[in-house]
Amino acid sequence: RGSMLDIKNDEKSNGVQEIDDKLRKLFIGGLSEKTTEETSKEYFSQYGEVQDINILRYEDGRSRKFAFITYATDDGARKCLEDKKVKGHKLDDKNIEVKRAMPRGKQDRNSALKTHKIFVGGLDITVDEETS
C-alpha cells in the first residue's frame, strides 16, 4: 500500500493522461447498420492515425449505430472536428455526427474542455467593459 504522497502523485499523472485521452477520443453517431470497424477506420484515418475504434453492439451483434474512436494524437481528432464544420462527415451513404466524447455523468467536470468563458461577479456598479 502506497503512502498518501504516492497516491496524490498517481492521481496527478492519471489526471493528465485522462485529459489527453479526452482530447483524442470522439463520439461518432448515426452510423449505418452496415458500417464496420474496418470501414470506419479507413474513413477516419484520413485525419490521423486511428489508435482504436469501437462500434457498440447489442448482445445479438446488431450495431447500436454509434461508436467511439481514439486517435493516436489530439491533432487527428482536432482535424476531424474541423472538417465537420467545413463539410460534415458521411460514411456508408449516411451523414454522421462527430463530437468530442464525454464520459457519462462527468460533463460538468469536462466543461473546461468546451469553453473559454468565465463568470465574474460582485463588480462595483461603476465598472463597465472598458474599465481595467
N, C-alpha and C. Protein backbone atom coordinates (compact mmCIF):
# COMPACT_ATOMS: atom_id res chain seq x y z
N ARG A 1 0.84 -1.18 0.00
CA ARG A 1 0.00 0.00 0.00
C ARG A 1 0.89 1.24 0.00
N GLY A 2 0.60 2.19 -0.89
CA GLY A 2 1.44 3.39 -1.02
C GLY A 2 1.09 4.43 0.02
N SER A 3 2.00 5.37 0.19
CA SER A 3 1.75 6.47 1.10
C SER A 3 0.79 7.46 0.45
N MET A 4 0.30 8.42 1.23
CA MET A 4 -0.61 9.44 0.71
C MET A 4 0.07 10.23 -0.41
N LEU A 5 1.35 10.49 -0.28
CA LEU A 5 2.10 11.22 -1.30
C LEU A 5 2.12 10.44 -2.61
N ASP A 6 2.34 9.12 -2.52
CA ASP A 6 2.34 8.28 -3.72
C ASP A 6 0.98 8.33 -4.41
N ILE A 7 -0.09 8.28 -3.64
CA ILE A 7 -1.44 8.29 -4.20
C ILE A 7 -1.70 9.61 -4.91
N LYS A 8 -1.30 10.73 -4.30
CA LYS A 8 -1.51 12.03 -4.93
C LYS A 8 -0.74 12.13 -6.24
N ASN A 9 0.49 11.66 -6.26
CA ASN A 9 1.27 11.71 -7.49
C ASN A 9 0.63 10.85 -8.58
N ASP A 10 0.11 9.68 -8.22
CA ASP A 10 -0.57 8.82 -9.18
C ASP A 10 -1.81 9.50 -9.74
N GLU A 11 -2.58 10.15 -8.85
CA GLU A 11 -3.79 10.83 -9.30
C GLU A 11 -3.45 11.95 -10.27
N LYS A 12 -2.37 12.67 -9.99
CA LYS A 12 -1.98 13.79 -10.85
C LYS A 12 -1.59 13.28 -12.23
N SER A 13 -0.76 12.25 -12.30
CA SER A 13 -0.34 11.74 -13.60
C SER A 13 -1.52 11.13 -14.34
N ASN A 14 -2.41 10.44 -13.62
CA ASN A 14 -3.60 9.89 -14.27
C ASN A 14 -4.51 11.00 -14.76
N GLY A 15 -4.60 12.09 -14.05
CA GLY A 15 -5.42 13.23 -14.47
C GLY A 15 -4.92 13.82 -15.77
N VAL A 16 -3.61 13.94 -15.90
CA VAL A 16 -3.02 14.46 -17.14
C VAL A 16 -3.32 13.50 -18.29
N GLN A 17 -3.14 12.21 -18.04
CA GLN A 17 -3.43 11.20 -19.07
C GLN A 17 -4.91 11.22 -19.43
N GLU A 18 -5.76 11.39 -18.43
CA GLU A 18 -7.21 11.40 -18.66
C GLU A 18 -7.60 12.57 -19.56
N ILE A 19 -7.05 13.74 -19.35
CA ILE A 19 -7.34 14.91 -20.19
C ILE A 19 -6.83 14.67 -21.60
N ASP A 20 -5.62 14.11 -21.73
CA ASP A 20 -5.06 13.80 -23.05
C ASP A 20 -5.96 12.83 -23.80
N ASP A 21 -6.45 11.79 -23.11
CA ASP A 21 -7.35 10.83 -23.74
C ASP A 21 -8.64 11.50 -24.20
N LYS A 22 -9.17 12.43 -23.42
CA LYS A 22 -10.41 13.12 -23.78
C LYS A 22 -10.23 13.95 -25.05
N LEU A 23 -9.06 14.51 -25.24
CA LEU A 23 -8.82 15.31 -26.44
C LEU A 23 -8.70 14.44 -27.69
N ARG A 24 -8.35 13.17 -27.51
CA ARG A 24 -8.15 12.27 -28.64
C ARG A 24 -9.36 11.40 -28.96
N LYS A 25 -10.34 11.35 -28.05
CA LYS A 25 -11.47 10.43 -28.21
C LYS A 25 -12.71 11.17 -28.71
N LEU A 26 -13.35 10.60 -29.75
CA LEU A 26 -14.53 11.20 -30.35
C LEU A 26 -15.71 10.24 -30.31
N PHE A 27 -16.90 10.81 -30.24
CA PHE A 27 -18.15 10.06 -30.36
C PHE A 27 -18.60 10.16 -31.80
N ILE A 28 -19.00 9.05 -32.39
CA ILE A 28 -19.50 9.01 -33.75
C ILE A 28 -20.93 8.47 -33.68
N GLY A 29 -21.90 9.26 -34.10
CA GLY A 29 -23.30 8.87 -34.02
C GLY A 29 -23.96 8.81 -35.38
N GLY A 30 -25.06 8.06 -35.46
CA GLY A 30 -25.84 7.97 -36.69
C GLY A 30 -25.24 7.04 -37.73
N LEU A 31 -24.47 6.05 -37.29
CA LEU A 31 -23.84 5.13 -38.23
C LEU A 31 -24.86 4.26 -38.93
N SER A 32 -24.50 3.81 -40.11
CA SER A 32 -25.31 2.85 -40.85
C SER A 32 -25.20 1.49 -40.18
N GLU A 33 -26.21 0.67 -40.34
CA GLU A 33 -26.20 -0.71 -39.83
C GLU A 33 -25.03 -1.49 -40.42
N LYS A 34 -24.64 -1.15 -41.67
CA LYS A 34 -23.59 -1.91 -42.35
C LYS A 34 -22.17 -1.39 -42.08
N THR A 35 -22.04 -0.28 -41.33
CA THR A 35 -20.72 0.25 -41.02
C THR A 35 -19.96 -0.70 -40.10
N THR A 36 -18.70 -0.96 -40.43
CA THR A 36 -17.85 -1.84 -39.63
C THR A 36 -16.68 -1.07 -39.07
N GLU A 37 -15.94 -1.71 -38.16
CA GLU A 37 -14.73 -1.10 -37.63
C GLU A 37 -13.75 -0.81 -38.76
N GLU A 38 -13.67 -1.72 -39.74
CA GLU A 38 -12.73 -1.57 -40.86
C GLU A 38 -13.09 -0.37 -41.74
N THR A 39 -14.38 -0.24 -42.11
CA THR A 39 -14.76 0.89 -42.97
C THR A 39 -14.63 2.21 -42.21
N SER A 40 -14.91 2.18 -40.91
CA SER A 40 -14.77 3.39 -40.09
C SER A 40 -13.30 3.80 -40.00
N LYS A 41 -12.45 2.83 -39.74
CA LYS A 41 -11.02 3.13 -39.61
C LYS A 41 -10.47 3.68 -40.92
N GLU A 42 -10.90 3.09 -42.03
CA GLU A 42 -10.45 3.56 -43.34
C GLU A 42 -10.86 5.02 -43.55
N TYR A 43 -12.09 5.36 -43.21
CA TYR A 43 -12.58 6.73 -43.38
C TYR A 43 -11.86 7.70 -42.45
N PHE A 44 -11.80 7.40 -41.16
CA PHE A 44 -11.27 8.34 -40.18
C PHE A 44 -9.74 8.44 -40.20
N SER A 45 -9.07 7.52 -40.85
CA SER A 45 -7.61 7.58 -40.95
C SER A 45 -7.13 8.75 -41.80
N GLN A 46 -8.00 9.33 -42.59
CA GLN A 46 -7.60 10.50 -43.40
C GLN A 46 -7.23 11.69 -42.52
N TYR A 47 -7.64 11.68 -41.26
CA TYR A 47 -7.36 12.80 -40.35
C TYR A 47 -6.16 12.54 -39.44
N GLY A 48 -5.73 11.30 -39.34
CA GLY A 48 -4.61 10.95 -38.48
C GLY A 48 -4.67 9.47 -38.13
N GLU A 49 -3.64 9.02 -37.44
CA GLU A 49 -3.57 7.60 -37.06
C GLU A 49 -4.66 7.25 -36.05
N VAL A 50 -5.47 6.27 -36.39
CA VAL A 50 -6.54 5.81 -35.52
C VAL A 50 -5.96 4.75 -34.58
N GLN A 51 -6.01 5.02 -33.30
CA GLN A 51 -5.49 4.09 -32.30
C GLN A 51 -6.51 3.00 -31.97
N ASP A 52 -7.80 3.40 -31.89
CA ASP A 52 -8.83 2.44 -31.52
C ASP A 52 -10.18 2.91 -32.05
N ILE A 53 -11.00 1.96 -32.46
CA ILE A 53 -12.39 2.27 -32.84
C ILE A 53 -13.27 1.16 -32.29
N ASN A 54 -14.37 1.57 -31.68
CA ASN A 54 -15.27 0.61 -31.03
C ASN A 54 -16.71 0.95 -31.41
N ILE A 55 -17.30 0.14 -32.29
CA ILE A 55 -18.71 0.28 -32.62
C ILE A 55 -19.48 -0.51 -31.57
N LEU A 56 -20.38 0.15 -30.87
CA LEU A 56 -21.15 -0.53 -29.83
C LEU A 56 -22.24 -1.38 -30.46
N ARG A 57 -22.44 -2.57 -29.89
CA ARG A 57 -23.37 -3.54 -30.45
C ARG A 57 -24.27 -4.10 -29.37
N TYR A 58 -25.47 -4.53 -29.80
CA TYR A 58 -26.38 -5.25 -28.92
C TYR A 58 -25.83 -6.66 -28.72
N GLU A 59 -26.40 -7.39 -27.77
CA GLU A 59 -25.94 -8.75 -27.47
C GLU A 59 -26.03 -9.67 -28.68
N ASP A 60 -27.02 -9.42 -29.57
CA ASP A 60 -27.17 -10.26 -30.76
C ASP A 60 -26.23 -9.87 -31.90
N GLY A 61 -25.37 -8.84 -31.67
CA GLY A 61 -24.38 -8.44 -32.67
C GLY A 61 -24.79 -7.28 -33.55
N ARG A 62 -26.07 -6.88 -33.48
CA ARG A 62 -26.52 -5.73 -34.29
C ARG A 62 -25.87 -4.45 -33.78
N SER A 63 -25.56 -3.55 -34.72
CA SER A 63 -24.96 -2.27 -34.37
C SER A 63 -25.94 -1.40 -33.60
N ARG A 64 -25.42 -0.70 -32.60
CA ARG A 64 -26.23 0.30 -31.90
C ARG A 64 -26.14 1.64 -32.62
N LYS A 65 -25.41 1.65 -33.74
CA LYS A 65 -25.28 2.78 -34.67
C LYS A 65 -24.52 3.97 -34.09
N PHE A 66 -23.64 3.69 -33.12
CA PHE A 66 -22.71 4.72 -32.67
C PHE A 66 -21.41 4.05 -32.27
N ALA A 67 -20.36 4.86 -32.22
CA ALA A 67 -19.03 4.33 -31.95
C ALA A 67 -18.19 5.36 -31.21
N PHE A 68 -17.07 4.90 -30.70
CA PHE A 68 -16.06 5.78 -30.13
C PHE A 68 -14.77 5.51 -30.87
N ILE A 69 -14.10 6.58 -31.25
CA ILE A 69 -12.83 6.46 -31.96
C ILE A 69 -11.78 7.23 -31.18
N THR A 70 -10.60 6.66 -31.06
CA THR A 70 -9.49 7.32 -30.38
C THR A 70 -8.35 7.47 -31.36
N TYR A 71 -7.90 8.70 -31.54
CA TYR A 71 -6.76 8.98 -32.39
C TYR A 71 -5.46 8.85 -31.59
N ALA A 72 -4.37 8.59 -32.28
CA ALA A 72 -3.06 8.47 -31.63
C ALA A 72 -2.62 9.82 -31.06
N THR A 73 -3.06 10.92 -31.69
CA THR A 73 -2.72 12.27 -31.22
C THR A 73 -3.98 13.13 -31.20
N ASP A 74 -3.95 14.19 -30.40
CA ASP A 74 -5.10 15.10 -30.38
C ASP A 74 -5.22 15.87 -31.69
N ASP A 75 -4.15 15.93 -32.48
CA ASP A 75 -4.18 16.62 -33.76
C ASP A 75 -5.14 15.93 -34.74
N GLY A 76 -5.15 14.60 -34.76
CA GLY A 76 -6.06 13.85 -35.62
C GLY A 76 -7.51 14.14 -35.26
N ALA A 77 -7.81 14.14 -33.97
CA ALA A 77 -9.17 14.42 -33.51
C ALA A 77 -9.56 15.85 -33.87
N ARG A 78 -8.64 16.78 -33.69
CA ARG A 78 -8.92 18.19 -34.00
C ARG A 78 -9.23 18.37 -35.48
N LYS A 79 -8.42 17.73 -36.35
CA LYS A 79 -8.66 17.83 -37.80
C LYS A 79 -10.02 17.26 -38.17
N CYS A 80 -10.38 16.15 -37.56
CA CYS A 80 -11.67 15.52 -37.83
C CYS A 80 -12.82 16.45 -37.43
N LEU A 81 -12.71 17.08 -36.27
CA LEU A 81 -13.74 18.01 -35.80
C LEU A 81 -13.80 19.25 -36.68
N GLU A 82 -12.65 19.75 -37.13
CA GLU A 82 -12.63 20.92 -38.01
C GLU A 82 -13.30 20.62 -39.34
N ASP A 83 -13.06 19.43 -39.88
CA ASP A 83 -13.65 19.05 -41.16
C ASP A 83 -15.17 18.94 -41.03
N LYS A 84 -15.66 18.58 -39.86
CA LYS A 84 -17.10 18.51 -39.61
C LYS A 84 -17.73 19.87 -39.87
N LYS A 85 -17.04 20.94 -39.44
CA LYS A 85 -17.56 22.30 -39.62
C LYS A 85 -17.55 22.70 -41.09
N VAL A 86 -16.55 22.24 -41.84
CA VAL A 86 -16.39 22.63 -43.24
C VAL A 86 -17.37 21.89 -44.15
N LYS A 87 -17.40 20.57 -44.06
CA LYS A 87 -18.22 19.81 -45.00
C LYS A 87 -19.06 18.72 -44.36
N GLY A 88 -18.92 18.47 -43.09
CA GLY A 88 -19.66 17.39 -42.45
C GLY A 88 -19.01 16.05 -42.76
N HIS A 89 -19.55 15.01 -42.19
CA HIS A 89 -19.00 13.66 -42.39
C HIS A 89 -20.08 12.75 -42.94
N LYS A 90 -19.69 11.92 -43.90
CA LYS A 90 -20.60 10.95 -44.49
C LYS A 90 -19.86 9.63 -44.62
N LEU A 91 -20.47 8.57 -44.08
CA LEU A 91 -19.85 7.25 -44.10
C LEU A 91 -20.92 6.23 -44.46
N ASP A 92 -20.62 5.37 -45.41
CA ASP A 92 -21.58 4.35 -45.88
C ASP A 92 -22.93 4.99 -46.24
N ASP A 93 -22.86 6.09 -47.01
CA ASP A 93 -24.04 6.79 -47.52
C ASP A 93 -24.93 7.41 -46.44
N LYS A 94 -24.39 7.63 -45.25
CA LYS A 94 -25.16 8.28 -44.18
C LYS A 94 -24.38 9.46 -43.62
N ASN A 95 -25.09 10.57 -43.39
CA ASN A 95 -24.48 11.69 -42.68
C ASN A 95 -24.35 11.27 -41.23
N ILE A 96 -23.17 11.46 -40.67
CA ILE A 96 -22.91 11.05 -39.29
C ILE A 96 -22.52 12.23 -38.43
N GLU A 97 -22.74 12.10 -37.15
CA GLU A 97 -22.41 13.13 -36.17
C GLU A 97 -21.07 12.79 -35.53
N VAL A 98 -20.20 13.79 -35.45
CA VAL A 98 -18.88 13.61 -34.83
C VAL A 98 -18.72 14.71 -33.79
N LYS A 99 -18.42 14.31 -32.55
CA LYS A 99 -18.16 15.29 -31.49
C LYS A 99 -17.25 14.68 -30.44
N ARG A 100 -16.72 15.53 -29.58
CA ARG A 100 -15.85 15.02 -28.51
C ARG A 100 -16.63 14.07 -27.62
N ALA A 101 -15.99 12.99 -27.23
CA ALA A 101 -16.61 12.02 -26.32
C ALA A 101 -16.54 12.57 -24.91
N MET A 102 -17.66 12.50 -24.19
CA MET A 102 -17.72 12.94 -22.81
C MET A 102 -18.24 11.78 -21.96
N PRO A 103 -17.50 11.41 -20.92
CA PRO A 103 -17.97 10.33 -20.05
C PRO A 103 -19.32 10.66 -19.43
N ARG A 104 -20.18 9.65 -19.28
CA ARG A 104 -21.48 9.85 -18.65
C ARG A 104 -21.32 10.39 -17.25
N GLY A 105 -22.15 11.39 -16.90
CA GLY A 105 -22.16 11.91 -15.54
C GLY A 105 -20.98 12.79 -15.19
N LYS A 106 -20.10 13.04 -16.14
CA LYS A 106 -18.93 13.85 -15.84
C LYS A 106 -18.87 15.09 -16.73
N GLN A 107 -19.98 15.48 -17.34
CA GLN A 107 -19.97 16.62 -18.24
C GLN A 107 -19.49 17.90 -17.56
N ASP A 108 -19.93 18.13 -16.31
CA ASP A 108 -19.52 19.34 -15.61
C ASP A 108 -18.03 19.38 -15.39
N ARG A 109 -17.46 18.22 -15.07
CA ARG A 109 -16.02 18.13 -14.82
C ARG A 109 -15.23 18.44 -16.10
N ASN A 110 -15.81 18.14 -17.26
CA ASN A 110 -15.12 18.33 -18.53
C ASN A 110 -15.49 19.62 -19.23
N SER A 111 -16.30 20.45 -18.62
CA SER A 111 -16.77 21.64 -19.29
C SER A 111 -15.61 22.58 -19.66
N ALA A 112 -14.51 22.50 -18.95
CA ALA A 112 -13.36 23.34 -19.27
C ALA A 112 -12.79 23.01 -20.65
N LEU A 113 -13.04 21.81 -21.13
CA LEU A 113 -12.56 21.44 -22.46
C LEU A 113 -13.41 22.05 -23.56
N LYS A 114 -14.60 22.54 -23.24
CA LYS A 114 -15.53 23.02 -24.25
C LYS A 114 -15.58 24.53 -24.38
N THR A 115 -15.24 25.29 -23.36
CA THR A 115 -15.45 26.73 -23.41
C THR A 115 -14.28 27.48 -22.77
N HIS A 116 -14.15 28.73 -23.16
CA HIS A 116 -13.12 29.59 -22.59
C HIS A 116 -13.75 30.79 -21.90
N LYS A 117 -15.02 30.68 -21.53
CA LYS A 117 -15.73 31.75 -20.86
C LYS A 117 -15.58 31.60 -19.36
N ILE A 118 -15.57 32.74 -18.67
CA ILE A 118 -15.57 32.72 -17.20
C ILE A 118 -16.61 33.70 -16.70
N PHE A 119 -17.12 33.43 -15.52
CA PHE A 119 -18.08 34.32 -14.87
C PHE A 119 -17.33 35.19 -13.87
N VAL A 120 -17.57 36.49 -13.92
CA VAL A 120 -17.00 37.42 -12.95
C VAL A 120 -18.17 38.14 -12.30
N GLY A 121 -18.32 37.96 -11.01
CA GLY A 121 -19.44 38.58 -10.30
C GLY A 121 -18.96 39.50 -9.20
N GLY A 122 -19.89 40.20 -8.61
CA GLY A 122 -19.60 41.07 -7.47
C GLY A 122 -18.86 42.35 -7.84
N LEU A 123 -19.02 42.79 -9.09
CA LEU A 123 -18.34 44.01 -9.51
C LEU A 123 -19.12 45.24 -9.06
N ASP A 124 -18.38 46.32 -8.84
CA ASP A 124 -19.00 47.59 -8.49
C ASP A 124 -19.85 48.07 -9.66
N ILE A 125 -20.93 48.77 -9.38
CA ILE A 125 -21.83 49.24 -10.42
C ILE A 125 -21.18 50.19 -11.40
N THR A 126 -20.07 50.82 -11.00
CA THR A 126 -19.39 51.78 -11.88
C THR A 126 -18.45 51.10 -12.88
N VAL A 127 -18.23 49.82 -12.75
CA VAL A 127 -17.34 49.09 -13.64
C VAL A 127 -18.10 48.77 -14.94
N ASP A 128 -17.45 49.07 -16.09
CA ASP A 128 -18.04 48.70 -17.38
C ASP A 128 -17.03 47.90 -18.18
N GLU A 129 -17.33 47.56 -19.43
CA GLU A 129 -16.46 46.74 -20.26
C GLU A 129 -15.10 47.38 -20.48
N GLU A 130 -15.02 48.70 -20.47
CA GLU A 130 -13.76 49.40 -20.74
C GLU A 130 -12.88 49.55 -19.50
N THR A 131 -13.43 49.37 -18.32
CA THR A 131 -12.68 49.51 -17.08
C THR A 131 -11.73 48.34 -16.91
N SER A 132 -10.47 48.66 -16.57
CA SER A 132 -9.50 47.57 -16.37
C SER A 132 -9.48 47.12 -14.95
